[in-house]
Amino acid sequence: MKKITDIIEKIEEFLLSAFVICMVIVLVAGVIARFVFNNSLSFTEEIGIACTIGVTFLGIGYCARKATQISMSIVYDLVPERAKKGMQFIISLVTCIVMLILCYLSFRYVNSVRMLGRTTPALRIPQWIIFMSLPIGFFLGAVESAKTFFMNIKNPKEIWISSEFRLGENVENYDDNDKEGE
């Protein structure tokens, strides 16, 4: 199971990096074409939008794993440790359920876009291919929330805020090369 999740994480990181790099290259090329050569490239906006959609939704699982998602934690920060553990169970379980619901709904949406045969105007790329990042991203977010839920069950004395970080760990300065047990 660990090898499968490692492979998925590597693919996810590769895709996120590729989307960001592609977005930068294409959008900079569009700006150069527009202002230097006085001729715009018709496809830059489409590729920029597709990359933004990909980064946004494929990044859900990555952010959940790295504990970098936005959270409203004022109540969570004020309660004692025991209550935090219970809250973390509820938060991760509800997040998993919501992500699975969104995965299902977005898959239905992607299927309806596919059935309509919609394509992008300039490149004629089927839009359902671009929108597939929605259900995939929501599914990866659900998996990460489930992993967090089970990490909290497996380790009753620790509070896991993600599948990689315990409460109190400095997420910003975490180094992937310093993982314990590897």
N, C-alpha and C. Protein backbone atom coordinates (compact mmCIF):
# COMPACT_ATOMS: atom_id res chain seq x y z
N MET A 1 0.82 -1.20 0.00
CA MET A 1 0.00 0.00 0.00
C MET A 1 0.86 1.26 0.00
N LYS A 2 1.95 1.22 0.77
CA LYS A 2 2.85 2.38 0.85
C LYS A 2 3.46 2.71 -0.51
N LYS A 3 3.83 1.66 -1.27
CA LYS A 3 4.41 1.88 -2.59
C LYS A 3 3.40 2.51 -3.55
N ILE A 4 2.15 2.07 -3.46
CA ILE A 4 1.11 2.63 -4.32
C ILE A 4 0.91 4.10 -4.02
N THR A 5 0.81 4.45 -2.73
CA THR A 5 0.63 5.86 -2.36
C THR A 5 1.85 6.69 -2.75
N ASP A 6 3.04 6.11 -2.64
CA ASP A 6 4.25 6.84 -3.06
C ASP A 6 4.22 7.13 -4.56
N ILE A 7 3.78 6.15 -5.34
CA ILE A 7 3.70 6.34 -6.79
C ILE A 7 2.65 7.41 -7.13
N ILE A 8 1.50 7.34 -6.46
CA ILE A 8 0.45 8.34 -6.69
C ILE A 8 0.95 9.72 -6.32
N GLU A 9 1.67 9.84 -5.20
CA GLU A 9 2.21 11.13 -4.78
C GLU A 9 3.20 11.68 -5.80
N LYS A 10 4.05 10.82 -6.33
CA LYS A 10 5.04 11.26 -7.34
C LYS A 10 4.35 11.72 -8.61
N ILE A 11 3.34 10.98 -9.06
CA ILE A 11 2.58 11.37 -10.25
C ILE A 11 1.89 12.71 -10.01
N GLU A 12 1.28 12.84 -8.84
CA GLU A 12 0.58 14.07 -8.47
C GLU A 12 1.54 15.26 -8.48
N GLU A 13 2.70 15.10 -7.85
CA GLU A 13 3.69 16.17 -7.81
C GLU A 13 4.21 16.51 -9.20
N PHE A 14 4.42 15.48 -10.04
CA PHE A 14 4.87 15.71 -11.41
C PHE A 14 3.84 16.50 -12.19
N LEU A 15 2.57 16.08 -12.10
CA LEU A 15 1.51 16.77 -12.84
C LEU A 15 1.35 18.21 -12.38
N LEU A 16 1.38 18.43 -11.08
CA LEU A 16 1.27 19.80 -10.57
C LEU A 16 2.41 20.66 -11.07
N SER A 17 3.63 20.14 -11.03
CA SER A 17 4.79 20.88 -11.52
C SER A 17 4.68 21.14 -13.01
N ALA A 18 4.28 20.12 -13.77
CA ALA A 18 4.15 20.26 -15.22
C ALA A 18 3.11 21.32 -15.58
N PHE A 19 1.97 21.30 -14.88
CA PHE A 19 0.93 22.29 -15.15
C PHE A 19 1.43 23.71 -14.86
N VAL A 20 2.12 23.89 -13.76
CA VAL A 20 2.62 25.23 -13.41
C VAL A 20 3.65 25.69 -14.43
N ILE A 21 4.59 24.82 -14.78
CA ILE A 21 5.62 25.18 -15.76
C ILE A 21 4.99 25.48 -17.12
N CYS A 22 4.07 24.65 -17.55
CA CYS A 22 3.38 24.86 -18.82
C CYS A 22 2.63 26.19 -18.82
N MET A 23 1.94 26.47 -17.72
CA MET A 23 1.19 27.71 -17.60
C MET A 23 2.11 28.91 -17.72
N VAL A 24 3.23 28.87 -17.04
CA VAL A 24 4.17 29.99 -17.08
C VAL A 24 4.71 30.18 -18.50
N ILE A 25 5.16 29.10 -19.12
CA ILE A 25 5.75 29.18 -20.46
C ILE A 25 4.74 29.71 -21.48
N VAL A 26 3.55 29.14 -21.48
CA VAL A 26 2.55 29.53 -22.47
C VAL A 26 2.07 30.96 -22.26
N LEU A 27 1.83 31.34 -21.01
CA LEU A 27 1.33 32.69 -20.76
C LEU A 27 2.42 33.75 -21.02
N VAL A 28 3.66 33.45 -20.69
CA VAL A 28 4.76 34.39 -21.00
C VAL A 28 4.92 34.49 -22.51
N ALA A 29 4.83 33.36 -23.21
CA ALA A 29 4.92 33.39 -24.68
C ALA A 29 3.80 34.24 -25.27
N GLY A 30 2.61 34.13 -24.68
CA GLY A 30 1.48 34.94 -25.15
C GLY A 30 1.71 36.42 -24.95
N VAL A 31 2.27 36.78 -23.81
CA VAL A 31 2.57 38.19 -23.53
C VAL A 31 3.64 38.71 -24.49
N ILE A 32 4.69 37.92 -24.70
CA ILE A 32 5.77 38.32 -25.63
C ILE A 32 5.21 38.48 -27.04
N ALA A 33 4.40 37.51 -27.47
CA ALA A 33 3.81 37.59 -28.81
C ALA A 33 2.95 38.83 -28.96
N ARG A 34 2.20 39.16 -27.93
CA ARG A 34 1.29 40.30 -28.00
C ARG A 34 2.03 41.63 -28.01
N PHE A 35 3.02 41.77 -27.14
CA PHE A 35 3.67 43.07 -26.99
C PHE A 35 4.92 43.26 -27.85
N VAL A 36 5.63 42.19 -28.16
CA VAL A 36 6.84 42.32 -28.97
C VAL A 36 6.52 42.18 -30.46
N PHE A 37 5.74 41.16 -30.79
CA PHE A 37 5.43 40.90 -32.21
C PHE A 37 4.09 41.45 -32.65
N ASN A 38 3.37 42.06 -31.73
CA ASN A 38 2.07 42.69 -32.00
C ASN A 38 1.08 41.68 -32.61
N ASN A 39 1.14 40.45 -32.15
CA ASN A 39 0.28 39.38 -32.66
C ASN A 39 0.02 38.41 -31.51
N SER A 40 -1.23 38.23 -31.14
CA SER A 40 -1.51 37.35 -30.01
C SER A 40 -1.67 35.90 -30.46
N LEU A 41 -1.36 35.00 -29.55
CA LEU A 41 -1.55 33.57 -29.80
C LEU A 41 -2.94 33.19 -29.30
N SER A 42 -3.73 32.58 -30.14
CA SER A 42 -5.14 32.33 -29.81
C SER A 42 -5.33 31.27 -28.73
N PHE A 43 -4.36 30.43 -28.52
CA PHE A 43 -4.53 29.29 -27.63
C PHE A 43 -4.01 29.53 -26.21
N THR A 44 -3.32 30.63 -25.96
CA THR A 44 -2.70 30.81 -24.64
C THR A 44 -3.71 30.87 -23.50
N GLU A 45 -4.83 31.53 -23.74
CA GLU A 45 -5.84 31.62 -22.68
C GLU A 45 -6.42 30.25 -22.36
N GLU A 46 -6.68 29.45 -23.39
CA GLU A 46 -7.22 28.10 -23.18
C GLU A 46 -6.27 27.24 -22.37
N ILE A 47 -5.00 27.26 -22.73
CA ILE A 47 -4.02 26.45 -22.02
C ILE A 47 -3.85 26.98 -20.59
N GLY A 48 -3.85 28.29 -20.43
CA GLY A 48 -3.74 28.87 -19.09
C GLY A 48 -4.90 28.46 -18.20
N ILE A 49 -6.11 28.49 -18.74
CA ILE A 49 -7.28 28.07 -17.98
C ILE A 49 -7.22 26.58 -17.64
N ALA A 50 -6.84 25.76 -18.63
CA ALA A 50 -6.74 24.31 -18.39
C ALA A 50 -5.71 24.02 -17.31
N CYS A 51 -4.57 24.70 -17.35
CA CYS A 51 -3.53 24.48 -16.34
C CYS A 51 -3.99 24.96 -14.96
N THR A 52 -4.71 26.07 -14.92
CA THR A 52 -5.22 26.58 -13.64
C THR A 52 -6.22 25.59 -13.03
N ILE A 53 -7.09 25.04 -13.86
CA ILE A 53 -8.06 24.05 -13.38
C ILE A 53 -7.31 22.82 -12.86
N GLY A 54 -6.31 22.36 -13.62
CA GLY A 54 -5.53 21.20 -13.21
C GLY A 54 -4.82 21.41 -11.89
N VAL A 55 -4.14 22.55 -11.75
CA VAL A 55 -3.41 22.84 -10.51
C VAL A 55 -4.36 22.97 -9.33
N THR A 56 -5.47 23.65 -9.56
CA THR A 56 -6.43 23.88 -8.47
C THR A 56 -6.99 22.57 -7.93
N PHE A 57 -7.47 21.72 -8.81
CA PHE A 57 -8.16 20.53 -8.32
C PHE A 57 -7.23 19.36 -8.04
N LEU A 58 -6.18 19.20 -8.81
CA LEU A 58 -5.22 18.13 -8.49
C LEU A 58 -4.43 18.48 -7.23
N GLY A 59 -4.38 19.77 -6.89
CA GLY A 59 -3.68 20.20 -5.69
C GLY A 59 -4.43 19.95 -4.40
N ILE A 60 -5.70 19.56 -4.47
CA ILE A 60 -6.49 19.32 -3.26
C ILE A 60 -5.85 18.22 -2.41
N GLY A 61 -5.55 17.10 -3.01
CA GLY A 61 -4.94 15.99 -2.27
C GLY A 61 -3.56 16.34 -1.76
N TYR A 62 -2.78 17.04 -2.58
CA TYR A 62 -1.43 17.45 -2.18
C TYR A 62 -1.49 18.37 -0.96
N CYS A 63 -2.36 19.37 -1.01
CA CYS A 63 -2.49 20.30 0.11
C CYS A 63 -2.99 19.60 1.37
N ALA A 64 -3.91 18.67 1.22
CA ALA A 64 -4.40 17.92 2.38
C ALA A 64 -3.28 17.08 2.98
N ARG A 65 -2.45 16.46 2.15
CA ARG A 65 -1.35 15.63 2.64
C ARG A 65 -0.29 16.48 3.34
N LYS A 66 -0.01 17.66 2.81
CA LYS A 66 1.04 18.52 3.36
C LYS A 66 0.51 19.47 4.43
N ALA A 67 -0.79 19.39 4.75
CA ALA A 67 -1.43 20.24 5.76
C ALA A 67 -1.27 21.71 5.44
N THR A 68 -1.41 22.05 4.16
CA THR A 68 -1.26 23.45 3.74
C THR A 68 -2.57 24.06 3.26
N GLN A 69 -3.67 23.35 3.44
CA GLN A 69 -4.96 23.89 3.04
C GLN A 69 -5.38 24.98 4.00
N ILE A 70 -6.24 25.84 3.53
CA ILE A 70 -6.76 26.92 4.38
C ILE A 70 -7.69 26.30 5.41
N SER A 71 -7.55 26.74 6.66
CA SER A 71 -8.43 26.22 7.69
C SER A 71 -8.82 27.33 8.66
N MET A 72 -10.02 27.23 9.16
CA MET A 72 -10.51 28.16 10.16
C MET A 72 -10.34 27.46 11.50
N SER A 73 -9.31 27.82 12.24
CA SER A 73 -8.95 27.02 13.41
C SER A 73 -9.09 27.74 14.74
N ILE A 74 -9.82 28.82 14.82
CA ILE A 74 -9.90 29.56 16.08
C ILE A 74 -10.49 28.71 17.20
N VAL A 75 -11.56 27.98 16.93
CA VAL A 75 -12.17 27.13 17.96
C VAL A 75 -11.23 25.97 18.27
N TYR A 76 -10.69 25.37 17.22
CA TYR A 76 -9.78 24.23 17.36
C TYR A 76 -8.58 24.61 18.22
N ASP A 77 -8.04 25.79 18.02
CA ASP A 77 -6.86 26.24 18.76
C ASP A 77 -7.15 26.50 20.24
N LEU A 78 -8.39 26.82 20.58
CA LEU A 78 -8.74 27.17 21.95
C LEU A 78 -9.12 25.98 22.82
N VAL A 79 -9.48 24.86 22.23
CA VAL A 79 -9.93 23.71 23.03
C VAL A 79 -8.74 22.89 23.53
N PRO A 80 -8.94 22.11 24.61
CA PRO A 80 -7.85 21.28 25.12
C PRO A 80 -7.50 20.14 24.15
N GLU A 81 -6.36 19.51 24.40
CA GLU A 81 -5.83 18.45 23.52
C GLU A 81 -6.82 17.32 23.27
N ARG A 82 -7.50 16.89 24.32
CA ARG A 82 -8.46 15.77 24.18
C ARG A 82 -9.58 16.13 23.21
N ALA A 83 -10.06 17.36 23.29
CA ALA A 83 -11.12 17.81 22.38
C ALA A 83 -10.58 17.95 20.96
N LYS A 84 -9.32 18.34 20.83
CA LYS A 84 -8.72 18.45 19.50
C LYS A 84 -8.69 17.10 18.80
N LYS A 85 -8.40 16.06 19.54
CA LYS A 85 -8.38 14.71 18.97
C LYS A 85 -9.77 14.35 18.43
N GLY A 86 -10.79 14.59 19.22
CA GLY A 86 -12.16 14.32 18.79
C GLY A 86 -12.57 15.18 17.60
N MET A 87 -12.18 16.44 17.66
CA MET A 87 -12.49 17.32 16.54
C MET A 87 -11.79 16.86 15.27
N GLN A 88 -10.57 16.38 15.41
CA GLN A 88 -9.82 15.92 14.23
C GLN A 88 -10.48 14.70 13.61
N PHE A 89 -11.02 13.81 14.44
CA PHE A 89 -11.80 12.68 13.92
C PHE A 89 -12.96 13.19 13.07
N ILE A 90 -13.72 14.12 13.65
CA ILE A 90 -14.91 14.65 12.97
C ILE A 90 -14.52 15.40 11.71
N ILE A 91 -13.51 16.26 11.81
CA ILE A 91 -13.07 17.06 10.66
C ILE A 91 -12.64 16.17 9.50
N SER A 92 -11.80 15.19 9.78
CA SER A 92 -11.30 14.34 8.71
C SER A 92 -12.39 13.46 8.12
N LEU A 93 -13.30 12.97 8.96
CA LEU A 93 -14.38 12.12 8.47
C LEU A 93 -15.36 12.94 7.61
N VAL A 94 -15.78 14.10 8.10
CA VAL A 94 -16.71 14.94 7.34
C VAL A 94 -16.06 15.41 6.04
N THR A 95 -14.78 15.78 6.10
CA THR A 95 -14.07 16.20 4.89
C THR A 95 -14.03 15.08 3.87
N CYS A 96 -13.76 13.87 4.32
CA CYS A 96 -13.74 12.71 3.43
C CYS A 96 -15.10 12.51 2.76
N ILE A 97 -16.15 12.58 3.54
CA ILE A 97 -17.51 12.39 3.00
C ILE A 97 -17.85 13.49 1.99
N VAL A 98 -17.55 14.74 2.34
CA VAL A 98 -17.82 15.86 1.43
C VAL A 98 -17.02 15.71 0.14
N MET A 99 -15.76 15.33 0.25
CA MET A 99 -14.92 15.15 -0.94
C MET A 99 -15.47 14.03 -1.83
N LEU A 100 -15.96 12.95 -1.23
CA LEU A 100 -16.54 11.87 -2.02
C LEU A 100 -17.82 12.32 -2.73
N ILE A 101 -18.63 13.11 -2.04
CA ILE A 101 -19.85 13.65 -2.66
C ILE A 101 -19.48 14.56 -3.83
N LEU A 102 -18.50 15.44 -3.62
CA LEU A 102 -18.06 16.34 -4.69
C LEU A 102 -17.42 15.56 -5.84
N CYS A 103 -16.73 14.48 -5.52
CA CYS A 103 -16.15 13.61 -6.55
C CYS A 103 -17.26 13.04 -7.42
N TYR A 104 -18.29 12.53 -6.79
CA TYR A 104 -19.42 11.95 -7.52
C TYR A 104 -20.10 13.00 -8.39
N LEU A 105 -20.41 14.16 -7.81
CA LEU A 105 -21.10 15.22 -8.55
C LEU A 105 -20.24 15.74 -9.70
N SER A 106 -18.95 15.90 -9.46
CA SER A 106 -18.09 16.40 -10.53
C SER A 106 -17.91 15.36 -11.63
N PHE A 107 -17.91 14.08 -11.26
CA PHE A 107 -17.85 13.03 -12.28
C PHE A 107 -19.10 13.07 -13.15
N ARG A 108 -20.25 13.27 -12.53
CA ARG A 108 -21.49 13.41 -13.31
C ARG A 108 -21.42 14.61 -14.24
N TYR A 109 -20.86 15.71 -13.74
CA TYR A 109 -20.71 16.92 -14.57
C TYR A 109 -19.79 16.64 -15.75
N VAL A 110 -18.64 16.02 -15.48
CA VAL A 110 -17.68 15.69 -16.55
C VAL A 110 -18.35 14.79 -17.59
N ASN A 111 -19.12 13.83 -17.13
CA ASN A 111 -19.81 12.94 -18.06
C ASN A 111 -20.82 13.70 -18.91
N SER A 112 -21.52 14.66 -18.32
CA SER A 112 -22.48 15.44 -19.11
C SER A 112 -21.76 16.31 -20.14
N VAL A 113 -20.61 16.87 -19.77
CA VAL A 113 -19.81 17.66 -20.72
C VAL A 113 -19.34 16.75 -21.87
N ARG A 114 -18.94 15.54 -21.51
CA ARG A 114 -18.49 14.58 -22.54
C ARG A 114 -19.64 14.23 -23.48
N MET A 115 -20.82 13.99 -22.92
CA MET A 115 -21.98 13.62 -23.74
C MET A 115 -22.39 14.76 -24.68
N LEU A 116 -22.19 16.00 -24.23
CA LEU A 116 -22.53 17.15 -25.08
C LEU A 116 -21.49 17.37 -26.18
N GLY A 117 -20.32 16.78 -26.02
CA GLY A 117 -19.27 16.92 -27.04
C GLY A 117 -18.62 18.29 -27.08
N ARG A 118 -18.65 19.00 -25.96
CA ARG A 118 -18.07 20.36 -25.92
C ARG A 118 -16.55 20.30 -26.07
N THR A 119 -16.02 21.24 -26.85
CA THR A 119 -14.58 21.36 -27.06
C THR A 119 -14.15 22.80 -26.83
N THR A 120 -12.84 22.99 -26.64
CA THR A 120 -12.32 24.35 -26.49
C THR A 120 -12.35 25.03 -27.86
N PRO A 121 -12.54 26.35 -27.90
CA PRO A 121 -12.71 27.04 -29.19
C PRO A 121 -11.47 27.00 -30.11
N ALA A 122 -10.30 27.25 -29.59
CA ALA A 122 -9.12 27.36 -30.46
C ALA A 122 -8.46 26.02 -30.75
N LEU A 123 -8.22 25.22 -29.72
CA LEU A 123 -7.48 23.97 -29.90
C LEU A 123 -8.38 22.76 -30.15
N ARG A 124 -9.68 22.93 -29.96
CA ARG A 124 -10.65 21.85 -30.17
C ARG A 124 -10.39 20.64 -29.28
N ILE A 125 -9.87 20.89 -28.07
CA ILE A 125 -9.65 19.82 -27.10
C ILE A 125 -10.98 19.53 -26.41
N PRO A 126 -11.37 18.26 -26.29
CA PRO A 126 -12.61 17.96 -25.56
C PRO A 126 -12.52 18.49 -24.12
N GLN A 127 -13.50 19.26 -23.72
CA GLN A 127 -13.46 19.89 -22.40
C GLN A 127 -13.53 18.89 -21.27
N TRP A 128 -14.12 17.74 -21.50
CA TRP A 128 -14.22 16.76 -20.43
C TRP A 128 -12.83 16.30 -19.98
N ILE A 129 -11.87 16.30 -20.88
CA ILE A 129 -10.50 15.91 -20.52
C ILE A 129 -9.92 16.90 -19.51
N ILE A 130 -10.15 18.18 -19.76
CA ILE A 130 -9.66 19.21 -18.85
C ILE A 130 -10.36 19.10 -17.50
N PHE A 131 -11.68 18.86 -17.53
CA PHE A 131 -12.47 18.81 -16.30
C PHE A 131 -12.29 17.52 -15.51
N MET A 132 -11.60 16.52 -16.05
CA MET A 132 -11.36 15.27 -15.31
C MET A 132 -10.53 15.52 -14.05
N SER A 133 -9.81 16.64 -14.01
CA SER A 133 -9.05 16.93 -12.80
C SER A 133 -9.97 17.18 -11.59
N LEU A 134 -11.22 17.54 -11.82
CA LEU A 134 -12.15 17.76 -10.71
C LEU A 134 -12.42 16.47 -9.93
N PRO A 135 -12.99 15.43 -10.55
CA PRO A 135 -13.25 14.23 -9.75
C PRO A 135 -11.96 13.58 -9.24
N ILE A 136 -10.90 13.64 -10.03
CA ILE A 136 -9.63 13.05 -9.58
C ILE A 136 -9.13 13.80 -8.35
N GLY A 137 -9.16 15.12 -8.39
CA GLY A 137 -8.71 15.92 -7.25
C GLY A 137 -9.56 15.71 -6.01
N PHE A 138 -10.87 15.67 -6.18
CA PHE A 138 -11.75 15.43 -5.03
C PHE A 138 -11.53 14.02 -4.46
N PHE A 139 -11.30 13.04 -5.34
CA PHE A 139 -11.03 11.69 -4.86
C PHE A 139 -9.72 11.65 -4.06
N LEU A 140 -8.68 12.29 -4.57
CA LEU A 140 -7.40 12.33 -3.85
C LEU A 140 -7.54 13.05 -2.51
N GLY A 141 -8.36 14.10 -2.48
CA GLY A 141 -8.64 14.78 -1.22
C GLY A 141 -9.36 13.88 -0.23
N ALA A 142 -10.30 13.07 -0.73
CA ALA A 142 -11.02 12.12 0.13
C ALA A 142 -10.07 11.07 0.68
N VAL A 143 -9.17 10.59 -0.17
CA VAL A 143 -8.19 9.58 0.27
C VAL A 143 -7.31 10.16 1.37
N GLU A 144 -6.83 11.37 1.18
CA GLU A 144 -5.97 11.99 2.20
C GLU A 144 -6.72 12.22 3.50
N SER A 145 -7.98 12.62 3.42
CA SER A 145 -8.79 12.80 4.64
C SER A 145 -9.01 11.47 5.35
N ALA A 146 -9.25 10.42 4.58
CA ALA A 146 -9.41 9.09 5.17
C ALA A 146 -8.10 8.64 5.82
N LYS A 147 -6.98 8.90 5.17
CA LYS A 147 -5.68 8.55 5.76
C LYS A 147 -5.47 9.28 7.08
N THR A 148 -5.84 10.55 7.14
CA THR A 148 -5.71 11.33 8.37
C THR A 148 -6.61 10.73 9.46
N PHE A 149 -7.83 10.37 9.09
CA PHE A 149 -8.76 9.75 10.04
C PHE A 149 -8.14 8.48 10.63
N PHE A 150 -7.60 7.63 9.77
CA PHE A 150 -7.04 6.36 10.24
C PHE A 150 -5.71 6.55 10.98
N MET A 151 -4.95 7.58 10.64
CA MET A 151 -3.72 7.88 11.39
C MET A 151 -4.09 8.24 12.83
N ASN A 152 -5.20 8.96 13.01
CA ASN A 152 -5.63 9.32 14.36
C ASN A 152 -6.17 8.12 15.13
N ILE A 153 -6.76 7.16 14.45
CA ILE A 153 -7.20 5.93 15.11
C ILE A 153 -5.99 5.08 15.49
N LYS A 154 -5.06 4.97 14.57
CA LYS A 154 -3.87 4.12 14.75
C LYS A 154 -2.95 4.65 15.85
N ASN A 155 -2.91 5.96 16.04
CA ASN A 155 -2.03 6.60 17.02
C ASN A 155 -2.86 7.38 18.03
N PRO A 156 -3.40 6.72 19.05
CA PRO A 156 -4.33 7.38 19.97
C PRO A 156 -3.71 8.51 20.81
N LYS A 157 -2.41 8.50 20.99
CA LYS A 157 -1.78 9.52 21.83
C LYS A 157 -1.33 10.75 21.04
N GLU A 158 -1.42 10.68 19.71
CA GLU A 158 -0.98 11.79 18.87
C GLU A 158 -2.17 12.32 18.08
N ILE A 159 -2.10 13.62 17.75
CA ILE A 159 -3.13 14.24 16.93
C ILE A 159 -2.52 14.50 15.56
N TRP A 160 -3.04 13.82 14.56
CA TRP A 160 -2.56 13.98 13.18
C TRP A 160 -3.45 14.98 12.46
N ILE A 161 -2.85 16.05 11.94
CA ILE A 161 -3.62 17.05 11.19
C ILE A 161 -3.64 16.74 9.70
N SER A 162 -2.79 15.83 9.28
CA SER A 162 -2.78 15.29 7.92
C SER A 162 -2.12 13.93 7.99
N SER A 163 -2.04 13.26 6.87
CA SER A 163 -1.43 11.92 6.89
C SER A 163 0.08 11.99 7.08
N GLU A 164 0.67 13.19 7.00
CA GLU A 164 2.12 13.34 7.18
C GLU A 164 2.52 14.16 8.39
N PHE A 165 1.59 14.93 8.98
CA PHE A 165 1.97 15.85 10.05
C PHE A 165 1.11 15.69 11.29
N ARG A 166 1.81 15.69 12.42
CA ARG A 166 1.16 15.70 13.72
C ARG A 166 0.97 17.14 14.16
N LEU A 167 0.03 17.35 15.06
CA LEU A 167 -0.20 18.66 15.61
C LEU A 167 1.08 19.16 16.29
N GLY A 168 1.48 20.36 15.98
CA GLY A 168 2.67 20.94 16.57
C GLY A 168 3.91 20.85 15.70
N GLU A 169 3.87 20.02 14.67
CA GLU A 169 5.02 19.96 13.75
C GLU A 169 5.04 21.22 12.91
N ASN A 170 6.22 21.68 12.61
CA ASN A 170 6.36 22.88 11.80
C ASN A 170 6.27 22.48 10.32
N VAL A 171 5.11 22.64 9.76
CA VAL A 171 4.84 22.21 8.39
C VAL A 171 5.70 23.00 7.40
N GLU A 172 5.89 24.27 7.65
CA GLU A 172 6.63 25.12 6.71
C GLU A 172 8.09 24.70 6.54
N ASN A 173 8.70 24.18 7.59
CA ASN A 173 10.11 23.82 7.53
C ASN A 173 10.34 22.32 7.40
N TYR A 174 9.30 21.59 7.07
CA TYR A 174 9.40 20.14 6.95
C TYR A 174 10.20 19.78 5.70
N ASP A 175 11.09 18.81 5.83
CA ASP A 175 11.92 18.36 4.71
C ASP A 175 11.56 16.91 4.40
N ASP A 176 11.13 16.65 3.14
CA ASP A 176 10.75 15.30 2.74
C ASP A 176 11.88 14.30 2.93
N ASN A 177 13.12 14.75 2.90
CA ASN A 177 14.25 13.86 3.03
C ASN A 177 14.52 13.43 4.46
N ASP A 178 13.85 14.07 5.42
CA ASP A 178 14.06 13.75 6.83
C ASP A 178 12.95 12.87 7.40
N LYS A 179 12.14 12.23 6.56
CA LYS A 179 11.04 11.39 7.05
C LYS A 179 11.58 10.25 7.89
N GLU A 180 10.91 10.00 9.01
CA GLU A 180 11.31 8.91 9.89
C GLU A 180 10.89 7.58 9.29
N GLY A 181 11.69 6.56 9.49
CA GLY A 181 11.34 5.22 9.08
C GLY A 181 11.59 4.89 7.62
N GLU A 182 12.22 5.79 6.90
CA GLU A 182 12.46 5.51 5.49
C GLU A 182 13.93 5.34 5.24
